[in-house]
């Protein structure tokens, strides 16, 4: 009889945990998804110029039709759930505090901090076939030194590709129409 009461108590606790845990998890996930869009990022006036510059870049306008948004570059891959949630929360808190505490948002200073924090893995999420570009042998060879760097000779993607995205331009730069 005592054993049965423990089982029933355990089942009730599990049921209560599911009833409380599911809505909390759902709201957290919904919040993360809704706050991971360029539109949300642009809702903050400090970030609006960066989003406008991103919209004119080849990370939005390219022959492949692929769009890399804020989350793709500024956050770790979502499949690493714990790191993704931690980093996203940290970025969000930093941005909210900066919005309410700082007198003036220094876009260039924050841009430099972002570049300093980038890791090659963030670029490689999309550019994972960088060593297999049959029609661009020079690019293939140059990227080999980054992907398979010798100890002490490591490079970051942004060392060479620093000005690809957040540059203020007055027109859209369609990569497929650029003259070689």
C-alpha atoms as a PDB file:
ATOM      1  CA  UNK A   1       0.000   0.000   0.000  1.00  0.00           C
ATOM      2  CA  UNK A   2       2.803   2.415   0.919  1.00  0.00           C
ATOM      3  CA  UNK A   3       4.629   1.638  -2.327  1.00  0.00           C
ATOM      4  CA  UNK A   4       1.503   2.410  -4.363  1.00  0.00           C
ATOM      5  CA  UNK A   5       1.109   5.815  -2.640  1.00  0.00           C
ATOM      6  CA  UNK A   6       4.712   6.676  -3.584  1.00  0.00           C
ATOM      7  CA  UNK A   7       4.026   5.757  -7.225  1.00  0.00           C
ATOM      8  CA  UNK A   8       0.857   7.844  -7.305  1.00  0.00           C
ATOM      9  CA  UNK A   9       2.650  10.771  -5.655  1.00  0.00           C
ATOM     10  CA  UNK A  10       5.483  10.429  -8.191  1.00  0.00           C
ATOM     11  CA  UNK A  11       3.021  10.374 -11.119  1.00  0.00           C
ATOM     12  CA  UNK A  12       1.246  13.439  -9.760  1.00  0.00           C
ATOM     13  CA  UNK A  13       4.561  15.301  -9.429  1.00  0.00           C
ATOM     14  CA  UNK A  14       5.511  14.337 -13.004  1.00  0.00           C
ATOM     15  CA  UNK A  15       2.103  15.485 -14.254  1.00  0.00           C
ATOM     16  CA  UNK A  16       2.405  18.821 -12.449  1.00  0.00           C
ATOM     17  CA  UNK A  17       5.948  19.216 -13.805  1.00  0.00           C
ATOM     18  CA  UNK A  18       4.747  18.642 -17.370  1.00  0.00           C
ATOM     19  CA  UNK A  19       1.764  20.956 -16.923  1.00  0.00           C
ATOM     20  CA  UNK A  20       4.012  23.748 -15.627  1.00  0.00           C
ATOM     21  CA  UNK A  21       7.129  22.980 -17.693  1.00  0.00           C
ATOM     22  CA  UNK A  22       5.515  22.789 -21.117  1.00  0.00           C
ATOM     23  CA  UNK A  23       4.051  26.330 -21.093  1.00  0.00           C
ATOM     24  CA  UNK A  24       7.264  27.797 -19.657  1.00  0.00           C
ATOM     25  CA  UNK A  25       9.373  26.033 -22.302  1.00  0.00           C
ATOM     26  CA  UNK A  26       6.919  27.047 -25.064  1.00  0.00           C
ATOM     27  CA  UNK A  27       6.934  30.703 -24.011  1.00  0.00           C
ATOM     28  CA  UNK A  28      10.727  30.727 -23.792  1.00  0.00           C
ATOM     29  CA  UNK A  29      11.090  29.124 -27.216  1.00  0.00           C
ATOM     30  CA  UNK A  30       8.478  31.458 -28.739  1.00  0.00           C
ATOM     31  CA  UNK A  31      10.294  34.466 -27.270  1.00  0.00           C
ATOM     32  CA  UNK A  32      13.645  33.286 -28.626  1.00  0.00           C
ATOM     33  CA  UNK A  33      12.223  32.738 -32.120  1.00  0.00           C
ATOM     34  CA  UNK A  34      10.381  36.079 -32.223  1.00  0.00           C
ATOM     35  CA  UNK A  35      13.402  38.031 -30.987  1.00  0.00           C
ATOM     36  CA  UNK A  36      15.789  36.409 -33.487  1.00  0.00           C
ATOM     37  CA  UNK A  37      14.574  38.240 -36.585  1.00  0.00           C
ATOM     38  CA  UNK A  38      16.119  41.244 -38.342  1.00  0.00           C
ATOM     39  CA  UNK A  39      12.803  43.061 -37.899  1.00  0.00           C
ATOM     40  CA  UNK A  40      13.073  42.681 -34.134  1.00  0.00           C
ATOM     41  CA  UNK A  41      16.710  43.800 -34.138  1.00  0.00           C
ATOM     42  CA  UNK A  42      15.740  46.847 -36.232  1.00  0.00           C
ATOM     43  CA  UNK A  43      13.077  47.828 -33.677  1.00  0.00           C
ATOM     44  CA  UNK A  44      15.884  49.288 -31.567  1.00  0.00           C
ATOM     45  CA  UNK A  45      16.992  52.636 -32.987  1.00  0.00           C
ATOM     46  CA  UNK A  46      20.650  51.934 -32.159  1.00  0.00           C
ATOM     47  CA  UNK A  47      20.649  48.793 -34.309  1.00  0.00           C
ATOM     48  CA  UNK A  48      18.518  50.175 -37.177  1.00  0.00           C
ATOM     49  CA  UNK A  49      21.534  51.483 -39.187  1.00  0.00           C
ATOM     50  CA  UNK A  50      23.223  48.066 -38.932  1.00  0.00           C
ATOM     51  CA  UNK A  51      20.073  46.330 -40.176  1.00  0.00           C
ATOM     52  CA  UNK A  52      19.733  48.849 -43.035  1.00  0.00           C
ATOM     53  CA  UNK A  53      23.363  48.220 -44.033  1.00  0.00           C
ATOM     54  CA  UNK A  54      22.809  44.451 -43.807  1.00  0.00           C
ATOM     55  CA  UNK A  55      19.796  44.721 -46.146  1.00  0.00           C
ATOM     56  CA  UNK A  56      21.984  46.220 -48.893  1.00  0.00           C
ATOM     57  CA  UNK A  57      24.710  43.580 -48.524  1.00  0.00           C
ATOM     58  CA  UNK A  58      25.351  40.348 -50.384  1.00  0.00           C
ATOM     59  CA  UNK A  59      24.291  38.463 -47.246  1.00  0.00           C
ATOM     60  CA  UNK A  60      20.752  39.388 -48.367  1.00  0.00           C
ATOM     61  CA  UNK A  61      21.109  40.098 -52.095  1.00  0.00           C
ATOM     62  CA  UNK A  62      22.926  37.343 -53.925  1.00  0.00           C
ATOM     63  CA  UNK A  63      22.525  35.104 -56.940  1.00  0.00           C
ATOM     64  CA  UNK A  64      21.850  32.075 -54.743  1.00  0.00           C
ATOM     65  CA  UNK A  65      18.847  33.713 -53.073  1.00  0.00           C
ATOM     66  CA  UNK A  66      20.148  32.817 -49.620  1.00  0.00           C
ATOM     67  CA  UNK A  67      19.694  35.223 -46.715  1.00  0.00           C
ATOM     68  CA  UNK A  68      21.976  35.155 -43.680  1.00  0.00           C
ATOM     69  CA  UNK A  69      20.259  37.100 -40.931  1.00  0.00           C
ATOM     70  CA  UNK A  70      21.444  38.554 -37.606  1.00  0.00           C
ATOM     71  CA  UNK A  71      21.202  35.264 -35.734  1.00  0.00           C
ATOM     72  CA  UNK A  72      23.254  33.371 -38.335  1.00  0.00           C
ATOM     73  CA  UNK A  73      26.341  35.519 -37.767  1.00  0.00           C
ATOM     74  CA  UNK A  74      26.000  36.928 -34.270  1.00  0.00           C
ATOM     75  CA  UNK A  75      24.916  33.785 -32.394  1.00  0.00           C
ATOM     76  CA  UNK A  76      26.148  30.199 -32.186  1.00  0.00           C
ATOM     77  CA  UNK A  77      24.244  27.521 -34.068  1.00  0.00           C
ATOM     78  CA  UNK A  78      20.817  26.825 -32.495  1.00  0.00           C
ATOM     79  CA  UNK A  79      21.487  23.068 -32.359  1.00  0.00           C
ATOM     80  CA  UNK A  80      23.901  23.847 -29.508  1.00  0.00           C
ATOM     81  CA  UNK A  81      20.883  24.796 -27.413  1.00  0.00           C
ATOM     82  CA  UNK A  82      22.538  25.716 -24.113  1.00  0.00           C
ATOM     83  CA  UNK A  83      25.222  27.903 -25.733  1.00  0.00           C
ATOM     84  CA  UNK A  84      22.640  29.472 -28.064  1.00  0.00           C
ATOM     85  CA  UNK A  85      20.233  30.407 -25.224  1.00  0.00           C
ATOM     86  CA  UNK A  86      23.074  31.657 -23.007  1.00  0.00           C
ATOM     87  CA  UNK A  87      24.656  33.785 -25.751  1.00  0.00           C
ATOM     88  CA  UNK A  88      21.327  35.143 -26.984  1.00  0.00           C
ATOM     89  CA  UNK A  89      20.297  36.092 -23.448  1.00  0.00           C
ATOM     90  CA  UNK A  90      23.677  37.739 -22.825  1.00  0.00           C
ATOM     91  CA  UNK A  91      23.448  39.745 -26.090  1.00  0.00           C
ATOM     92  CA  UNK A  92      19.872  40.775 -25.278  1.00  0.00           C
ATOM     93  CA  UNK A  93      20.708  41.955 -21.774  1.00  0.00           C
ATOM     94  CA  UNK A  94      23.744  43.856 -23.056  1.00  0.00           C
ATOM     95  CA  UNK A  95      21.625  45.609 -25.703  1.00  0.00           C
ATOM     96  CA  UNK A  96      18.827  46.502 -23.266  1.00  0.00           C
ATOM     97  CA  UNK A  97      21.291  47.884 -20.706  1.00  0.00           C
ATOM     98  CA  UNK A  98      23.110  49.853 -23.411  1.00  0.00           C
ATOM     99  CA  UNK A  99      19.800  51.269 -24.648  1.00  0.00           C
ATOM    100  CA  UNK A 100      18.801  52.608 -21.234  1.00  0.00           C
ATOM    101  CA  UNK A 101      22.190  53.465 -19.699  1.00  0.00           C
ATOM    102  CA  UNK A 102      24.393  54.771 -22.503  1.00  0.00           C
ATOM    103  CA  UNK A 103      24.079  58.401 -23.545  1.00  0.00           C
ATOM    104  CA  UNK A 104      25.208  57.748 -27.096  1.00  0.00           C
ATOM    105  CA  UNK A 105      25.527  54.494 -29.019  1.00  0.00           C
ATOM    106  CA  UNK A 106      28.929  54.278 -30.689  1.00  0.00           C
ATOM    107  CA  UNK A 107      28.225  52.174 -33.768  1.00  0.00           C
ATOM    108  CA  UNK A 108      31.854  51.889 -34.835  1.00  0.00           C
ATOM    109  CA  UNK A 109      33.019  50.791 -31.377  1.00  0.00           C
ATOM    110  CA  UNK A 110      30.289  48.158 -31.178  1.00  0.00           C
ATOM    111  CA  UNK A 111      31.090  46.995 -34.703  1.00  0.00           C
ATOM    112  CA  UNK A 112      34.720  46.443 -33.669  1.00  0.00           C
ATOM    113  CA  UNK A 113      33.607  44.492 -30.588  1.00  0.00           C
ATOM    114  CA  UNK A 114      31.398  42.299 -32.774  1.00  0.00           C
ATOM    115  CA  UNK A 115      34.229  41.589 -35.222  1.00  0.00           C
ATOM    116  CA  UNK A 116      36.562  40.756 -32.325  1.00  0.00           C
ATOM    117  CA  UNK A 117      34.066  38.205 -31.010  1.00  0.00           C
ATOM    118  CA  UNK A 118      33.457  36.363 -34.312  1.00  0.00           C
ATOM    119  CA  UNK A 119      34.718  32.832 -34.588  1.00  0.00           C
ATOM    120  CA  UNK A 120      35.231  30.969 -37.865  1.00  0.00           C
ATOM    121  CA  UNK A 121      32.535  28.485 -36.867  1.00  0.00           C
ATOM    122  CA  UNK A 122      29.949  31.236 -37.241  1.00  0.00           C
ATOM    123  CA  UNK A 123      30.935  31.773 -40.895  1.00  0.00           C
ATOM    124  CA  UNK A 124      31.378  28.073 -41.552  1.00  0.00           C
ATOM    125  CA  UNK A 125      27.728  27.408 -40.628  1.00  0.00           C
ATOM    126  CA  UNK A 126      26.860  28.679 -44.121  1.00  0.00           C
ATOM    127  CA  UNK A 127      30.201  28.554 -45.942  1.00  0.00           C
ATOM    128  CA  UNK A 128      31.034  24.950 -45.084  1.00  0.00           C
ATOM    129  CA  UNK A 129      31.962  24.018 -48.682  1.00  0.00           C
ATOM    130  CA  UNK A 130      34.607  26.738 -48.913  1.00  0.00           C
ATOM    131  CA  UNK A 131      37.336  24.253 -49.878  1.00  0.00           C
ATOM    132  CA  UNK A 132      35.353  22.920 -52.834  1.00  0.00           C
ATOM    133  CA  UNK A 133      35.028  25.809 -55.298  1.00  0.00           C
ATOM    134  CA  UNK A 134      36.080  24.196 -58.579  1.00  0.00           C
ATOM    135  CA  UNK A 135      35.877  27.372 -60.675  1.00  0.00           C
ATOM    136  CA  UNK A 136      37.827  29.510 -58.145  1.00  0.00           C
ATOM    137  CA  UNK A 137      41.090  27.726 -57.433  1.00  0.00           C
ATOM    138  CA  UNK A 138      42.755  30.800 -55.848  1.00  0.00           C
ATOM    139  CA  UNK A 139      39.922  31.222 -53.341  1.00  0.00           C
ATOM    140  CA  UNK A 140      40.022  27.517 -52.591  1.00  0.00           C
ATOM    141  CA  UNK A 141      43.752  27.631 -51.845  1.00  0.00           C
ATOM    142  CA  UNK A 142      43.484  30.823 -49.765  1.00  0.00           C
ATOM    143  CA  UNK A 143      40.741  29.328 -47.606  1.00  0.00           C
ATOM    144  CA  UNK A 144      42.712  26.136 -47.031  1.00  0.00           C
ATOM    145  CA  UNK A 145      45.102  28.136 -44.818  1.00  0.00           C
ATOM    146  CA  UNK A 146      42.162  29.258 -42.680  1.00  0.00           C
ATOM    147  CA  UNK A 147      40.299  25.958 -42.420  1.00  0.00           C
ATOM    148  CA  UNK A 148      43.425  23.825 -41.914  1.00  0.00           C
ATOM    149  CA  UNK A 149      45.715  26.374 -40.292  1.00  0.00           C
ATOM    150  CA  UNK A 150      49.047  25.350 -38.878  1.00  0.00           C
ATOM    151  CA  UNK A 151      49.485  25.981 -35.139  1.00  0.00           C
ATOM    152  CA  UNK A 152      50.406  29.609 -34.567  1.00  0.00           C
ATOM    153  CA  UNK A 153      49.229  30.654 -38.044  1.00  0.00           C
ATOM    154  CA  UNK A 154      45.491  30.703 -37.377  1.00  0.00           C
ATOM    155  CA  UNK A 155      43.392  33.313 -39.157  1.00  0.00           C
ATOM    156  CA  UNK A 156      39.809  34.360 -38.762  1.00  0.00           C
ATOM    157  CA  UNK A 157      37.416  34.756 -41.678  1.00  0.00           C
ATOM    158  CA  UNK A 158      36.857  38.392 -40.730  1.00  0.00           C
ATOM    159  CA  UNK A 159      40.576  39.137 -41.039  1.00  0.00           C
ATOM    160  CA  UNK A 160      40.110  39.158 -44.827  1.00  0.00           C
ATOM    161  CA  UNK A 161      36.345  39.501 -45.159  1.00  0.00           C
ATOM    162  CA  UNK A 162      35.903  42.371 -42.764  1.00  0.00           C
ATOM    163  CA  UNK A 163      33.709  44.707 -44.763  1.00  0.00           C
ATOM    164  CA  UNK A 164      31.169  42.381 -46.310  1.00  0.00           C
ATOM    165  CA  UNK A 165      28.024  43.229 -44.427  1.00  0.00           C
ATOM    166  CA  UNK A 166      27.617  46.279 -42.224  1.00  0.00           C
ATOM    167  CA  UNK A 167      28.725  49.026 -44.581  1.00  0.00           C
ATOM    168  CA  UNK A 168      26.444  51.945 -45.240  1.00  0.00           C
ATOM    169  CA  UNK A 169      25.774  52.154 -48.980  1.00  0.00           C
ATOM    170  CA  UNK A 170      23.087  53.983 -50.888  1.00  0.00           C
ATOM    171  CA  UNK A 171      22.220  51.132 -53.238  1.00  0.00           C
ATOM    172  CA  UNK A 172      21.794  47.404 -53.153  1.00  0.00           C
ATOM    173  CA  UNK A 173      24.918  45.471 -54.162  1.00  0.00           C
ATOM    174  CA  UNK A 174      23.813  42.507 -56.212  1.00  0.00           C
ATOM    175  CA  UNK A 175      26.851  40.228 -56.429  1.00  0.00           C
ATOM    176  CA  UNK A 176      25.739  38.616 -59.675  1.00  0.00           C
ATOM    177  CA  UNK A 177      25.792  41.990 -61.469  1.00  0.00           C
ATOM    178  CA  UNK A 178      29.223  43.175 -60.301  1.00  0.00           C
ATOM    179  CA  UNK A 179      31.868  43.538 -62.977  1.00  0.00           C
ATOM    180  CA  UNK A 180      34.899  41.339 -62.441  1.00  0.00           C
END
